[in-house]
């Protein structure tokens, strides 16, 4: 159940960073799509899942909130795996280390937030 009338929604501070990463993920997915549309589609789905689950978690409570944050973290790890596959298969060369760092940071924050709920 979400907040009641007059209650403020608390959005994680990492949300804008996740959105920024999603824009960069979309650009790389466009390059990957020329070689492998399935991998590009999977990467886009995982990238959007990060943002959507953070947003949904902000409207949830208790275990549901933290489950959404775990899902978002898992999707972030999936995007990192997609980037590894794209590099290993020669679809892209040298993914920007800043994007990897940004995604790793987002995943790390989400894991810490989800663990804090235990």
PDB file of N, CA and C in Angstrom:
ATOM      1  N   UNK A   1       0.843  -1.175   0.000  1.00  0.00           N
ATOM      2  CA  UNK A   1       0.000   0.000   0.000  1.00  0.00           C
ATOM      3  C   UNK A   1       0.891   1.241   0.000  1.00  0.00           C
ATOM      4  N   UNK A   2       0.550   2.213  -0.810  1.00  0.00           N
ATOM      5  CA  UNK A   2       1.335   3.429  -0.929  1.00  0.00           C
ATOM      6  C   UNK A   2       0.982   4.449   0.137  1.00  0.00           C
ATOM      7  N   UNK A   3       1.551   5.617   0.041  1.00  0.00           N
ATOM      8  CA  UNK A   3       1.298   6.646   1.031  1.00  0.00           C
ATOM      9  C   UNK A   3      -0.146   7.138   0.963  1.00  0.00           C
ATOM     10  N   UNK A   4      -0.644   7.607   2.087  1.00  0.00           N
ATOM     11  CA  UNK A   4      -1.993   8.155   2.127  1.00  0.00           C
ATOM     12  C   UNK A   4      -1.942   9.629   1.764  1.00  0.00           C
ATOM     13  N   UNK A   5      -3.091  10.208   1.603  1.00  0.00           N
ATOM     14  CA  UNK A   5      -3.173  11.623   1.243  1.00  0.00           C
ATOM     15  C   UNK A   5      -2.407  12.471   2.253  1.00  0.00           C
ATOM     16  N   UNK A   6      -1.595  13.371   1.762  1.00  0.00           N
ATOM     17  CA  UNK A   6      -0.828  14.239   2.632  1.00  0.00           C
ATOM     18  C   UNK A   6       0.534  13.668   3.020  1.00  0.00           C
ATOM     19  N   UNK A   7       0.730  12.365   2.781  1.00  0.00           N
ATOM     20  CA  UNK A   7       2.014  11.733   3.090  1.00  0.00           C
ATOM     21  C   UNK A   7       2.970  11.973   1.934  1.00  0.00           C
ATOM     22  N   UNK A   8       4.208  12.263   2.248  1.00  0.00           N
ATOM     23  CA  UNK A   8       5.197  12.511   1.208  1.00  0.00           C
ATOM     24  C   UNK A   8       5.874  11.206   0.802  1.00  0.00           C
ATOM     25  N   UNK A   9       6.114  11.053  -0.495  1.00  0.00           N
ATOM     26  CA  UNK A   9       6.813   9.889  -1.017  1.00  0.00           C
ATOM     27  C   UNK A   9       8.310  10.144  -0.927  1.00  0.00           C
ATOM     28  N   UNK A  10       9.050   9.166  -0.417  1.00  0.00           N
ATOM     29  CA  UNK A  10      10.494   9.296  -0.314  1.00  0.00           C
ATOM     30  C   UNK A  10      11.126   8.557  -1.481  1.00  0.00           C
ATOM     31  N   UNK A  11      11.780   9.305  -2.355  1.00  0.00           N
ATOM     32  CA  UNK A  11      12.456   8.711  -3.501  1.00  0.00           C
ATOM     33  C   UNK A  11      13.927   8.571  -3.145  1.00  0.00           C
ATOM     34  N   UNK A  12      14.505   7.433  -3.482  1.00  0.00           N
ATOM     35  CA  UNK A  12      15.932   7.249  -3.230  1.00  0.00           C
ATOM     36  C   UNK A  12      16.735   8.282  -4.014  1.00  0.00           C
ATOM     37  N   UNK A  13      17.772   8.784  -3.393  1.00  0.00           N
ATOM     38  CA  UNK A  13      18.627   9.786  -4.034  1.00  0.00           C
ATOM     39  C   UNK A  13      19.336   9.223  -5.263  1.00  0.00           C
ATOM     40  N   UNK A  14      19.405   7.904  -5.373  1.00  0.00           N
ATOM     41  CA  UNK A  14      20.089   7.262  -6.506  1.00  0.00           C
ATOM     42  C   UNK A  14      19.230   7.274  -7.779  1.00  0.00           C
ATOM     43  N   UNK A  15      17.962   7.639  -7.651  1.00  0.00           N
ATOM     44  CA  UNK A  15      17.027   7.601  -8.790  1.00  0.00           C
ATOM     45  C   UNK A  15      17.523   8.406 -10.003  1.00  0.00           C
ATOM     46  N   UNK A  16      17.952   9.662  -9.851  1.00  0.00           N
ATOM     47  CA  UNK A  16      18.441  10.400 -11.027  1.00  0.00           C
ATOM     48  C   UNK A  16      19.661   9.729 -11.679  1.00  0.00           C
ATOM     49  N   UNK A  17      20.505   9.122 -10.880  1.00  0.00           N
ATOM     50  CA  UNK A  17      21.677   8.423 -11.428  1.00  0.00           C
ATOM     51  C   UNK A  17      21.224   7.217 -12.236  1.00  0.00           C
ATOM     52  N   UNK A  18      20.215   6.510 -11.752  1.00  0.00           N
ATOM     53  CA  UNK A  18      19.680   5.363 -12.486  1.00  0.00           C
ATOM     54  C   UNK A  18      19.083   5.809 -13.820  1.00  0.00           C
ATOM     55  N   UNK A  19      18.407   6.936 -13.822  1.00  0.00           N
ATOM     56  CA  UNK A  19      17.836   7.457 -15.073  1.00  0.00           C
ATOM     57  C   UNK A  19      18.940   7.863 -16.054  1.00  0.00           C
ATOM     58  N   UNK A  20      19.975   8.478 -15.532  1.00  0.00           N
ATOM     59  CA  UNK A  20      21.106   8.866 -16.385  1.00  0.00           C
ATOM     60  C   UNK A  20      21.741   7.621 -17.002  1.00  0.00           C
ATOM     61  N   UNK A  21      21.935   6.593 -16.192  1.00  0.00           N
ATOM     62  CA  UNK A  21      22.503   5.339 -16.699  1.00  0.00           C
ATOM     63  C   UNK A  21      21.597   4.734 -17.765  1.00  0.00           C
ATOM     64  N   UNK A  22      20.280   4.808 -17.569  1.00  0.00           N
ATOM     65  CA  UNK A  22      19.344   4.247 -18.545  1.00  0.00           C
ATOM     66  C   UNK A  22      19.496   4.924 -19.904  1.00  0.00           C
ATOM     67  N   UNK A  23      19.696   6.223 -19.919  1.00  0.00           N
ATOM     68  CA  UNK A  23      19.901   6.920 -21.195  1.00  0.00           C
ATOM     69  C   UNK A  23      21.148   6.387 -21.902  1.00  0.00           C
ATOM     70  N   UNK A  24      22.185   6.136 -21.143  1.00  0.00           N
ATOM     71  CA  UNK A  24      23.429   5.620 -21.727  1.00  0.00           C
ATOM     72  C   UNK A  24      23.256   4.170 -22.156  1.00  0.00           C
ATOM     73  N   UNK A  25      22.493   3.403 -21.383  1.00  0.00           N
ATOM     74  CA  UNK A  25      22.205   2.011 -21.737  1.00  0.00           C
ATOM     75  C   UNK A  25      21.456   1.971 -23.069  1.00  0.00           C
ATOM     76  N   UNK A  26      20.501   2.869 -23.232  1.00  0.00           N
ATOM     77  CA  UNK A  26      19.739   2.920 -24.484  1.00  0.00           C
ATOM     78  C   UNK A  26      20.624   3.185 -25.688  1.00  0.00           C
ATOM     79  N   UNK A  27      21.595   4.062 -25.524  1.00  0.00           N
ATOM     80  CA  UNK A  27      22.502   4.378 -26.631  1.00  0.00           C
ATOM     81  C   UNK A  27      23.359   3.164 -26.999  1.00  0.00           C
ATOM     82  N   UNK A  28      23.849   2.448 -26.006  1.00  0.00           N
ATOM     83  CA  UNK A  28      24.659   1.261 -26.288  1.00  0.00           C
ATOM     84  C   UNK A  28      23.785   0.147 -26.867  1.00  0.00           C
ATOM     85  N   UNK A  29      22.561   0.030 -26.369  1.00  0.00           N
ATOM     86  CA  UNK A  29      21.652  -0.990 -26.887  1.00  0.00           C
ATOM     87  C   UNK A  29      21.402  -0.785 -28.381  1.00  0.00           C
ATOM     88  N   UNK A  30      21.356   0.459 -28.812  1.00  0.00           N
ATOM     89  CA  UNK A  30      21.173   0.757 -30.234  1.00  0.00           C
ATOM     90  C   UNK A  30      22.341   0.211 -31.053  1.00  0.00           C
ATOM     91  N   UNK A  31      23.551   0.315 -30.531  1.00  0.00           N
ATOM     92  CA  UNK A  31      24.727  -0.247 -31.216  1.00  0.00           C
ATOM     93  C   UNK A  31      24.661  -1.770 -31.234  1.00  0.00           C
ATOM     94  N   UNK A  32      24.290  -2.352 -30.101  1.00  0.00           N
ATOM     95  CA  UNK A  32      24.232  -3.816 -29.975  1.00  0.00           C
ATOM     96  C   UNK A  32      23.157  -4.389 -30.886  1.00  0.00           C
ATOM     97  N   UNK A  33      22.072  -3.655 -31.032  1.00  0.00           N
ATOM     98  CA  UNK A  33      20.932  -4.120 -31.821  1.00  0.00           C
ATOM     99  C   UNK A  33      21.311  -4.441 -33.268  1.00  0.00           C
ATOM    100  N   UNK A  34      22.314  -3.770 -33.788  1.00  0.00           N
ATOM    101  CA  UNK A  34      22.778  -4.022 -35.158  1.00  0.00           C
ATOM    102  C   UNK A  34      23.319  -5.440 -35.312  1.00  0.00           C
ATOM    103  N   UNK A  35      23.743  -6.043 -34.194  1.00  0.00           N
ATOM    104  CA  UNK A  35      24.332  -7.372 -34.202  1.00  0.00           C
ATOM    105  C   UNK A  35      23.418  -8.419 -33.566  1.00  0.00           C
ATOM    106  N   UNK A  36      22.676  -8.001 -32.526  1.00  0.00           N
ATOM    107  CA  UNK A  36      21.916  -8.962 -31.719  1.00  0.00           C
ATOM    108  C   UNK A  36      20.717  -8.255 -31.087  1.00  0.00           C
ATOM    109  N   UNK A  37      19.586  -8.331 -31.774  1.00  0.00           N
ATOM    110  CA  UNK A  37      18.402  -7.623 -31.276  1.00  0.00           C
ATOM    111  C   UNK A  37      17.897  -8.195 -29.950  1.00  0.00           C
ATOM    112  N   UNK A  38      18.082  -9.503 -29.731  1.00  0.00           N
ATOM    113  CA  UNK A  38      17.630 -10.106 -28.466  1.00  0.00           C
ATOM    114  C   UNK A  38      18.420  -9.569 -27.281  1.00  0.00           C
ATOM    115  N   UNK A  39      19.734  -9.495 -27.412  1.00  0.00           N
ATOM    116  CA  UNK A  39      20.555  -8.979 -26.324  1.00  0.00           C
ATOM    117  C   UNK A  39      20.234  -7.507 -26.057  1.00  0.00           C
ATOM    118  N   UNK A  40      20.051  -6.737 -27.115  1.00  0.00           N
ATOM    119  CA  UNK A  40      19.714  -5.323 -26.959  1.00  0.00           C
ATOM    120  C   UNK A  40      18.377  -5.167 -26.242  1.00  0.00           C
ATOM    121  N   UNK A  41      17.406  -5.975 -26.622  1.00  0.00           N
ATOM    122  CA  UNK A  41      16.086  -5.913 -25.990  1.00  0.00           C
ATOM    123  C   UNK A  41      16.169  -6.297 -24.506  1.00  0.00           C
ATOM    124  N   UNK A  42      16.937  -7.342 -24.214  1.00  0.00           N
ATOM    125  CA  UNK A  42      17.101  -7.775 -22.824  1.00  0.00           C
ATOM    126  C   UNK A  42      17.776  -6.691 -21.990  1.00  0.00           C
ATOM    127  N   UNK A  43      18.777  -6.042 -22.573  1.00  0.00           N
ATOM    128  CA  UNK A  43      19.484  -4.985 -21.854  1.00  0.00           C
ATOM    129  C   UNK A  43      18.564  -3.790 -21.601  1.00  0.00           C
ATOM    130  N   UNK A  44      17.741  -3.437 -22.590  1.00  0.00           N
ATOM    131  CA  UNK A  44      16.794  -2.337 -22.385  1.00  0.00           C
ATOM    132  C   UNK A  44      15.776  -2.680 -21.298  1.00  0.00           C
ATOM    133  N   UNK A  45      15.271  -3.918 -21.330  1.00  0.00           N
ATOM    134  CA  UNK A  45      14.296  -4.331 -20.310  1.00  0.00           C
ATOM    135  C   UNK A  45      14.908  -4.267 -18.921  1.00  0.00           C
ATOM    136  N   UNK A  46      16.131  -4.775 -18.792  1.00  0.00           N
ATOM    137  CA  UNK A  46      16.798  -4.755 -17.483  1.00  0.00           C
ATOM    138  C   UNK A  46      17.074  -3.315 -17.048  1.00  0.00           C
ATOM    139  N   UNK A  47      17.497  -2.473 -17.963  1.00  0.00           N
ATOM    140  CA  UNK A  47      17.762  -1.074 -17.627  1.00  0.00           C
ATOM    141  C   UNK A  47      16.506  -0.344 -17.187  1.00  0.00           C
ATOM    142  N   UNK A  48      15.411  -0.558 -17.900  1.00  0.00           N
ATOM    143  CA  UNK A  48      14.171   0.093 -17.495  1.00  0.00           C
ATOM    144  C   UNK A  48      13.666  -0.491 -16.176  1.00  0.00           C
ATOM    145  N   UNK A  49      13.933  -1.760 -15.932  1.00  0.00           N
ATOM    146  CA  UNK A  49      13.520  -2.391 -14.679  1.00  0.00           C
ATOM    147  C   UNK A  49      14.182  -1.730 -13.470  1.00  0.00           C
ATOM    148  N   UNK A  50      15.413  -1.275 -13.627  1.00  0.00           N
ATOM    149  CA  UNK A  50      16.090  -0.575 -12.528  1.00  0.00           C
ATOM    150  C   UNK A  50      15.266   0.647 -12.131  1.00  0.00           C
ATOM    151  N   UNK A  51      14.984   1.488 -13.112  1.00  0.00           N
ATOM    152  CA  UNK A  51      14.266   2.736 -12.857  1.00  0.00           C
ATOM    153  C   UNK A  51      12.852   2.458 -12.357  1.00  0.00           C
ATOM    154  N   UNK A  52      12.156   1.534 -13.011  1.00  0.00           N
ATOM    155  CA  UNK A  52      10.768   1.247 -12.624  1.00  0.00           C
ATOM    156  C   UNK A  52      10.669   0.673 -11.219  1.00  0.00           C
ATOM    157  N   UNK A  53      11.587  -0.213 -10.850  1.00  0.00           N
ATOM    158  CA  UNK A  53      11.535  -0.801  -9.512  1.00  0.00           C
ATOM    159  C   UNK A  53      11.922   0.193  -8.420  1.00  0.00           C
ATOM    160  N   UNK A  54      12.833   1.109  -8.712  1.00  0.00           N
ATOM    161  CA  UNK A  54      13.139   2.154  -7.725  1.00  0.00           C
ATOM    162  C   UNK A  54      11.892   3.011  -7.509  1.00  0.00           C
ATOM    163  N   UNK A  55      11.254   3.402  -8.594  1.00  0.00           N
ATOM    164  CA  UNK A  55      10.050   4.244  -8.508  1.00  0.00           C
ATOM    165  C   UNK A  55       8.931   3.494  -7.779  1.00  0.00           C
ATOM    166  N   UNK A  56       8.727   2.226  -8.144  1.00  0.00           N
ATOM    167  CA  UNK A  56       7.685   1.440  -7.489  1.00  0.00           C
ATOM    168  C   UNK A  56       7.995   1.239  -6.004  1.00  0.00           C
ATOM    169  N   UNK A  57       9.258   0.995  -5.691  1.00  0.00           N
ATOM    170  CA  UNK A  57       9.652   0.830  -4.297  1.00  0.00           C
ATOM    171  C   UNK A  57       9.360   2.060  -3.466  1.00  0.00           C
ATOM    172  N   UNK A  58       9.489   3.222  -4.078  1.00  0.00           N
ATOM    173  CA  UNK A  58       9.227   4.458  -3.337  1.00  0.00           C
ATOM    174  C   UNK A  58       7.755   4.584  -2.952  1.00  0.00           C
ATOM    175  N   UNK A  59       6.893   3.870  -3.646  1.00  0.00           N
ATOM    176  CA  UNK A  59       5.457   3.903  -3.358  1.00  0.00           C
ATOM    177  C   UNK A  59       5.009   2.714  -2.508  1.00  0.00           C
ATOM    178  N   UNK A  60       5.930   1.805  -2.231  1.00  0.00           N
ATOM    179  CA  UNK A  60       5.610   0.591  -1.485  1.00  0.00           C
ATOM    180  C   UNK A  60       6.026   0.736  -0.031  1.00  0.00           C
ATOM    181  N   UNK A  61       5.644  -0.242   0.756  1.00  0.00           N
ATOM    182  CA  UNK A  61       6.008  -0.235   2.169  1.00  0.00           C
ATOM    183  C   UNK A  61       6.556  -1.595   2.558  1.00  0.00           C
ATOM    184  N   UNK A  62       7.311  -1.617   3.652  1.00  0.00           N
ATOM    185  CA  UNK A  62       7.784  -2.865   4.248  1.00  0.00           C
ATOM    186  C   UNK A  62       8.532  -3.763   3.289  1.00  0.00           C
ATOM    187  N   UNK A  63       8.178  -5.039   3.326  1.00  0.00           N
ATOM    188  CA  UNK A  63       8.873  -6.036   2.501  1.00  0.00           C
ATOM    189  C   UNK A  63       8.716  -5.777   1.015  1.00  0.00           C
ATOM    190  N   UNK A  64       7.564  -5.271   0.612  1.00  0.00           N
ATOM    191  CA  UNK A  64       7.367  -4.982  -0.814  1.00  0.00           C
ATOM    192  C   UNK A  64       8.355  -3.923  -1.298  1.00  0.00           C
ATOM    193  N   UNK A  65       8.573  -2.914  -0.485  1.00  0.00           N
ATOM    194  CA  UNK A  65       9.516  -1.855  -0.868  1.00  0.00           C
ATOM    195  C   UNK A  65      10.908  -2.449  -1.091  1.00  0.00           C
ATOM    196  N   UNK A  66      11.337  -3.232  -0.142  1.00  0.00           N
ATOM    197  CA  UNK A  66      12.694  -3.758  -0.235  1.00  0.00           C
ATOM    198  C   UNK A  66      12.814  -4.835  -1.317  1.00  0.00           C
ATOM    199  N   UNK A  67      11.740  -5.541  -1.589  1.00  0.00           N
ATOM    200  CA  UNK A  67      11.758  -6.497  -2.707  1.00  0.00           C
ATOM    201  C   UNK A  67      11.951  -5.757  -4.031  1.00  0.00           C
ATOM    202  N   UNK A  68      11.324  -4.602  -4.175  1.00  0.00           N
ATOM    203  CA  UNK A  68      11.494  -3.810  -5.403  1.00  0.00           C
ATOM    204  C   UNK A  68      12.946  -3.353  -5.540  1.00  0.00           C
ATOM    205  N   UNK A  69      13.559  -2.963  -4.409  1.00  0.00           N
ATOM    206  CA  UNK A  69      14.947  -2.518  -4.467  1.00  0.00           C
ATOM    207  C   UNK A  69      15.877  -3.689  -4.792  1.00  0.00           C
ATOM    208  N   UNK A  70      15.593  -4.877  -4.265  1.00  0.00           N
ATOM    209  CA  UNK A  70      16.373  -6.063  -4.637  1.00  0.00           C
ATOM    210  C   UNK A  70      16.218  -6.338  -6.132  1.00  0.00           C
ATOM    211  N   UNK A  71      14.990  -6.228  -6.635  1.00  0.00           N
ATOM    212  CA  UNK A  71      14.761  -6.451  -8.072  1.00  0.00           C
ATOM    213  C   UNK A  71      15.554  -5.449  -8.912  1.00  0.00           C
ATOM    214  N   UNK A  72      15.545  -4.199  -8.486  1.00  0.00           N
ATOM    215  CA  UNK A  72      16.286  -3.170  -9.219  1.00  0.00           C
ATOM    216  C   UNK A  72      17.783  -3.481  -9.219  1.00  0.00           C
ATOM    217  N   UNK A  73      18.296  -3.920  -8.075  1.00  0.00           N
ATOM    218  CA  UNK A  73      19.719  -4.276  -7.989  1.00  0.00           C
ATOM    219  C   UNK A  73      20.036  -5.450  -8.912  1.00  0.00           C
ATOM    220  N   UNK A  74      19.172  -6.445  -8.923  1.00  0.00           N
ATOM    221  CA  UNK A  74      19.379  -7.592  -9.811  1.00  0.00           C
ATOM    222  C   UNK A  74      19.366  -7.188 -11.271  1.00  0.00           C
ATOM    223  N   UNK A  75      18.485  -6.269 -11.618  1.00  0.00           N
ATOM    224  CA  UNK A  75      18.433  -5.791 -12.999  1.00  0.00           C
ATOM    225  C   UNK A  75      19.693  -5.013 -13.361  1.00  0.00           C
ATOM    226  N   UNK A  76      20.229  -4.271 -12.396  1.00  0.00           N
ATOM    227  CA  UNK A  76      21.494  -3.568 -12.643  1.00  0.00           C
ATOM    228  C   UNK A  76      22.625  -4.543 -12.914  1.00  0.00           C
ATOM    229  N   UNK A  77      22.665  -5.620 -12.141  1.00  0.00           N
ATOM    230  CA  UNK A  77      23.685  -6.650 -12.372  1.00  0.00           C
ATOM    231  C   UNK A  77      23.469  -7.309 -13.736  1.00  0.00           C
ATOM    232  N   UNK A  78      22.211  -7.467 -14.127  1.00  0.00           N
ATOM    233  CA  UNK A  78      21.920  -8.050 -15.442  1.00  0.00           C
ATOM    234  C   UNK A  78      22.427  -7.154 -16.568  1.00  0.00           C
ATOM    235  N   UNK A  79      22.247  -5.859 -16.440  1.00  0.00           N
ATOM    236  CA  UNK A  79      22.767  -4.937 -17.460  1.00  0.00           C
ATOM    237  C   UNK A  79      24.284  -5.063 -17.559  1.00  0.00           C
ATOM    238  N   UNK A  80      24.958  -5.140 -16.411  1.00  0.00           N
ATOM    239  CA  UNK A  80      26.410  -5.321 -16.435  1.00  0.00           C
ATOM    240  C   UNK A  80      26.777  -6.613 -17.163  1.00  0.00           C
ATOM    241  N   UNK A  81      26.008  -7.665 -16.950  1.00  0.00           N
ATOM    242  CA  UNK A  81      26.240  -8.921 -17.661  1.00  0.00           C
ATOM    243  C   UNK A  81      26.008  -8.772 -19.157  1.00  0.00           C
ATOM    244  N   UNK A  82      24.986  -8.029 -19.533  1.00  0.00           N
ATOM    245  CA  UNK A  82      24.719  -7.774 -20.957  1.00  0.00           C
ATOM    246  C   UNK A  82      25.883  -7.029 -21.600  1.00  0.00           C
ATOM    247  N   UNK A  83      26.422  -6.063 -20.869  1.00  0.00           N
ATOM    248  CA  UNK A  83      27.581  -5.324 -21.394  1.00  0.00           C
ATOM    249  C   UNK A  83      28.776  -6.256 -21.572  1.00  0.00           C
ATOM    250  N   UNK A  84      28.990  -7.156 -20.612  1.00  0.00           N
ATOM    251  CA  UNK A  84      30.074  -8.143 -20.734  1.00  0.00           C
ATOM    252  C   UNK A  84      29.878  -8.988 -21.990  1.00  0.00           C
ATOM    253  N   UNK A  85      28.664  -9.478 -22.187  1.00  0.00           N
ATOM    254  CA  UNK A  85      28.373 -10.315 -23.348  1.00  0.00           C
ATOM    255  C   UNK A  85      28.604  -9.552 -24.649  1.00  0.00           C
ATOM    256  N   UNK A  86      28.141  -8.311 -24.696  1.00  0.00           N
ATOM    257  CA  UNK A  86      28.298  -7.504 -25.906  1.00  0.00           C
ATOM    258  C   UNK A  86      29.768  -7.282 -26.239  1.00  0.00           C
ATOM    259  N   UNK A  87      30.578  -7.050 -25.212  1.00  0.00           N
ATOM    260  CA  UNK A  87      32.018  -6.898 -25.443  1.00  0.00           C
ATOM    261  C   UNK A  87      32.632  -8.226 -25.886  1.00  0.00           C
ATOM    262  N   UNK A  88      32.306  -9.289 -25.173  1.00  0.00           N
ATOM    263  CA  UNK A  88      32.905 -10.600 -25.464  1.00  0.00           C
ATOM    264  C   UNK A  88      32.538 -11.098 -26.858  1.00  0.00           C
ATOM    265  N   UNK A  89      31.343 -10.749 -27.317  1.00  0.00           N
ATOM    266  CA  UNK A  89      30.899 -11.175 -28.647  1.00  0.00           C
ATOM    267  C   UNK A  89      31.326 -10.204 -29.750  1.00  0.00           C
ATOM    268  N   UNK A  90      31.990  -9.125 -29.368  1.00  0.00           N
ATOM    269  CA  UNK A  90      32.516  -8.173 -30.343  1.00  0.00           C
ATOM    270  C   UNK A  90      31.488  -7.203 -30.901  1.00  0.00           C
ATOM    271  N   UNK A  91      30.349  -7.050 -30.203  1.00  0.00           N
ATOM    272  CA  UNK A  91      29.321  -6.124 -30.676  1.00  0.00           C
ATOM    273  C   UNK A  91      29.680  -4.673 -30.369  1.00  0.00           C
ATOM    274  N   UNK A  92      30.360  -4.457 -29.270  1.00  0.00           N
ATOM    275  CA  UNK A  92      30.850  -3.132 -28.883  1.00  0.00           C
ATOM    276  C   UNK A  92      32.264  -3.314 -28.361  1.00  0.00           C
ATOM    277  N   UNK A  93      33.023  -2.239 -28.432  1.00  0.00           N
ATOM    278  CA  UNK A  93      34.398  -2.283 -27.926  1.00  0.00           C
ATOM    279  C   UNK A  93      34.511  -1.377 -26.729  1.00  0.00           C
ATOM    280  N   UNK A  94      35.127  -1.882 -25.711  1.00  0.00           N
ATOM    281  CA  UNK A  94      35.461  -1.074 -24.540  1.00  0.00           C
ATOM    282  C   UNK A  94      34.308  -0.194 -24.050  1.00  0.00           C
ATOM    283  N   UNK A  95      33.332  -0.823 -23.413  1.00  0.00           N
ATOM    284  CA  UNK A  95      32.233  -0.066 -22.818  1.00  0.00           C
ATOM    285  C   UNK A  95      32.830   0.957 -21.856  1.00  0.00           C
ATOM    286  N   UNK A  96      32.293   2.146 -21.886  1.00  0.00           N
ATOM    287  CA  UNK A  96      32.778   3.240 -21.049  1.00  0.00           C
ATOM    288  C   UNK A  96      32.855   2.794 -19.588  1.00  0.00           C
ATOM    289  N   UNK A  97      34.049   2.825 -19.005  1.00  0.00           N
ATOM    290  CA  UNK A  97      34.187   2.432 -17.596  1.00  0.00           C
ATOM    291  C   UNK A  97      33.328   3.281 -16.657  1.00  0.00           C
ATOM    292  N   UNK A  98      33.029   4.512 -17.062  1.00  0.00           N
ATOM    293  CA  UNK A  98      32.187   5.374 -16.230  1.00  0.00           C
ATOM    294  C   UNK A  98      30.762   4.817 -16.135  1.00  0.00           C
ATOM    295  N   UNK A  99      30.268   4.231 -17.213  1.00  0.00           N
ATOM    296  CA  UNK A  99      28.940   3.613 -17.170  1.00  0.00           C
ATOM    297  C   UNK A  99      28.949   2.404 -16.247  1.00  0.00           C
ATOM    298  N   UNK A 100      29.983   1.583 -16.369  1.00  0.00           N
ATOM    299  CA  UNK A 100      30.090   0.418 -15.471  1.00  0.00           C
ATOM    300  C   UNK A 100      30.157   0.870 -14.007  1.00  0.00           C
ATOM    301  N   UNK A 101      30.929   1.918 -13.746  1.00  0.00           N
ATOM    302  CA  UNK A 101      31.048   2.428 -12.378  1.00  0.00           C
ATOM    303  C   UNK A 101      29.713   2.981 -11.889  1.00  0.00           C
ATOM    304  N   UNK A 102      29.026   3.687 -12.763  1.00  0.00           N
ATOM    305  CA  UNK A 102      27.721   4.259 -12.411  1.00  0.00           C
ATOM    306  C   UNK A 102      26.721   3.142 -12.066  1.00  0.00           C
ATOM    307  N   UNK A 103      26.670   2.112 -12.896  1.00  0.00           N
ATOM    308  CA  UNK A 103      25.771   0.981 -12.637  1.00  0.00           C
ATOM    309  C   UNK A 103      26.160   0.251 -11.358  1.00  0.00           C
ATOM    310  N   UNK A 104      27.446   0.049 -11.164  1.00  0.00           N
ATOM    311  CA  UNK A 104      27.909  -0.623  -9.944  1.00  0.00           C
ATOM    312  C   UNK A 104      27.533   0.175  -8.706  1.00  0.00           C
ATOM    313  N   UNK A 105      27.627   1.494  -8.806  1.00  0.00           N
ATOM    314  CA  UNK A 105      27.244   2.363  -7.694  1.00  0.00           C
ATOM    315  C   UNK A 105      25.744   2.235  -7.407  1.00  0.00           C
ATOM    316  N   UNK A 106      24.923   2.275  -8.449  1.00  0.00           N
ATOM    317  CA  UNK A 106      23.476   2.138  -8.289  1.00  0.00           C
ATOM    318  C   UNK A 106      23.158   0.796  -7.620  1.00  0.00           C
ATOM    319  N   UNK A 107      23.760  -0.289  -8.122  1.00  0.00           N
ATOM    320  CA  UNK A 107      23.526  -1.615  -7.545  1.00  0.00           C
ATOM    321  C   UNK A 107      23.953  -1.635  -6.078  1.00  0.00           C
ATOM    322  N   UNK A 108      25.116  -1.077  -5.780  1.00  0.00           N
ATOM    323  CA  UNK A 108      25.618  -1.072  -4.405  1.00  0.00           C
ATOM    324  C   UNK A 108      24.688  -0.345  -3.449  1.00  0.00           C
ATOM    325  N   UNK A 109      24.190   0.810  -3.864  1.00  0.00           N
ATOM    326  CA  UNK A 109      23.261   1.564  -3.018  1.00  0.00           C
ATOM    327  C   UNK A 109      21.986   0.768  -2.798  1.00  0.00           C
ATOM    328  N   UNK A 110      21.461   0.180  -3.864  1.00  0.00           N
ATOM    329  CA  UNK A 110      20.219  -0.592  -3.740  1.00  0.00           C
ATOM    330  C   UNK A 110      20.385  -1.796  -2.816  1.00  0.00           C
ATOM    331  N   UNK A 111      21.508  -2.468  -2.919  1.00  0.00           N
ATOM    332  CA  UNK A 111      21.763  -3.620  -2.041  1.00  0.00           C
ATOM    333  C   UNK A 111      21.845  -3.159  -0.585  1.00  0.00           C
ATOM    334  N   UNK A 112      22.545  -2.053  -0.334  1.00  0.00           N
ATOM    335  CA  UNK A 112      22.638  -1.544   1.034  1.00  0.00           C
ATOM    336  C   UNK A 112      21.267  -1.166   1.593  1.00  0.00           C
ATOM    337  N   UNK A 113      20.456  -0.513   0.787  1.00  0.00           N
ATOM    338  CA  UNK A 113      19.116  -0.119   1.234  1.00  0.00           C
ATOM    339  C   UNK A 113      18.266  -1.365   1.504  1.00  0.00           C
ATOM    340  N   UNK A 114      18.322  -2.330   0.612  1.00  0.00           N
ATOM    341  CA  UNK A 114      17.516  -3.549   0.784  1.00  0.00           C
ATOM    342  C   UNK A 114      17.980  -4.344   1.997  1.00  0.00           C
ATOM    343  N   UNK A 115      19.274  -4.422   2.215  1.00  0.00           N
ATOM    344  CA  UNK A 115      19.801  -5.166   3.377  1.00  0.00           C
ATOM    345  C   UNK A 115      19.440  -4.492   4.701  1.00  0.00           C
ATOM    346  N   UNK A 116      19.377  -3.181   4.691  1.00  0.00           N
ATOM    347  CA  UNK A 116      19.069  -2.429   5.904  1.00  0.00           C
ATOM    348  C   UNK A 116      17.679  -2.762   6.441  1.00  0.00           C
ATOM    349  N   UNK A 117      16.841  -3.300   5.585  1.00  0.00           N
ATOM    350  CA  UNK A 117      15.451  -3.609   5.990  1.00  0.00           C
ATOM    351  C   UNK A 117      15.345  -4.923   6.728  1.00  0.00           C
ATOM    352  N   UNK A 118      16.369  -5.717   6.709  1.00  0.00           N
ATOM    353  CA  UNK A 118      16.291  -7.052   7.346  1.00  0.00           C
ATOM    354  C   UNK A 118      16.036  -6.966   8.799  1.00  0.00           C
TER     355      UNK A 118
END
